[in-house]
Protein backbone atom coordinates (compact mmCIF):
# COMPACT_ATOMS: atom_id res chain seq x y z
CA THR A 1 -20.35 23.62 5.61
CA GLN A 2 -22.36 20.44 5.22
CA LEU A 3 -21.89 19.03 8.70
CA PRO A 4 -24.74 16.87 10.01
CA TYR A 5 -27.00 18.56 12.52
CA PHE A 6 -30.40 18.24 14.13
CA THR A 7 -32.55 20.64 16.06
CA ASP A 8 -34.64 18.18 18.07
CA ASP A 9 -33.41 15.29 20.23
CA ASP A 10 -36.10 13.09 18.69
CA ASP A 11 -34.31 13.41 15.32
CA CYS A 12 -31.10 11.77 16.64
CA ILE A 13 -30.75 8.17 15.40
CA GLY A 14 -27.42 7.50 17.12
CA CYS A 15 -25.48 7.12 13.86
CA GLY A 16 -22.34 8.73 15.32
CA GLN A 17 -21.62 11.00 12.36
CA CYS A 18 -21.69 14.07 14.59
CA VAL A 19 -18.95 12.58 16.80
CA ALA A 20 -16.75 11.95 13.77
CA VAL A 21 -17.02 15.46 12.33
CA CYS A 22 -17.20 17.67 15.45
CA PRO A 23 -14.17 19.99 15.20
CA GLY A 24 -14.22 20.69 18.95
CA LEU A 25 -14.40 17.01 19.99
CA ALA A 26 -17.34 18.09 22.13
CA ILE A 27 -19.80 15.26 21.42
CA THR A 28 -20.12 11.98 23.29
CA LEU A 29 -22.96 9.53 22.60
CA VAL A 30 -24.26 7.17 25.29
CA ASP A 31 -26.56 4.51 23.84
CA TYR A 32 -28.67 2.64 26.41
CA ARG A 33 -30.95 0.98 23.82
CA LYS A 34 -29.37 -2.51 23.84
CA ASP A 35 -28.13 -2.74 27.43
CA LYS A 36 -29.27 -0.49 30.27
CA GLU A 37 -26.43 -1.68 32.54
CA SER A 38 -23.53 -1.38 30.04
CA PRO A 39 -24.37 1.26 27.43
CA VAL A 40 -22.34 1.75 24.26
CA VAL A 41 -20.32 4.98 24.53
CA THR A 42 -19.02 6.71 21.39
CA PHE A 43 -16.41 9.41 21.87
CA PRO A 44 -13.53 11.03 19.95
CA LEU A 45 -10.39 8.90 20.11
CA GLU A 46 -8.32 11.93 21.08
CA LEU A 47 -9.82 11.80 24.57
CA THR A 48 -7.50 8.95 25.53
CA HIS A 49 -3.89 8.01 24.92
CA GLU A 50 -4.44 4.34 25.66
CA LYS A 51 -5.50 1.84 23.00
CA ILE A 52 -9.12 0.78 23.37
CA GLU A 53 -10.08 -2.58 21.87
CA VAL A 54 -13.48 -3.20 20.27
CA GLY A 55 -15.83 -4.49 22.96
CA GLN A 56 -13.57 -3.39 25.83
CA THR A 57 -15.35 -2.00 28.87
CA VAL A 58 -14.13 1.49 29.75
């Protein structure tokens, strides 16, 4: 397959492509770069049954 991958944490740019294509829904990204107190969390939508609005704190 041509799934994105990396072998070194330094190669991760936080693009989120791995979250979108992971067949096991096993990837969650936590991005502290912009705000150390309220990081941006990217996760597969299937992890919740509730609607999450853009910008909503979860």
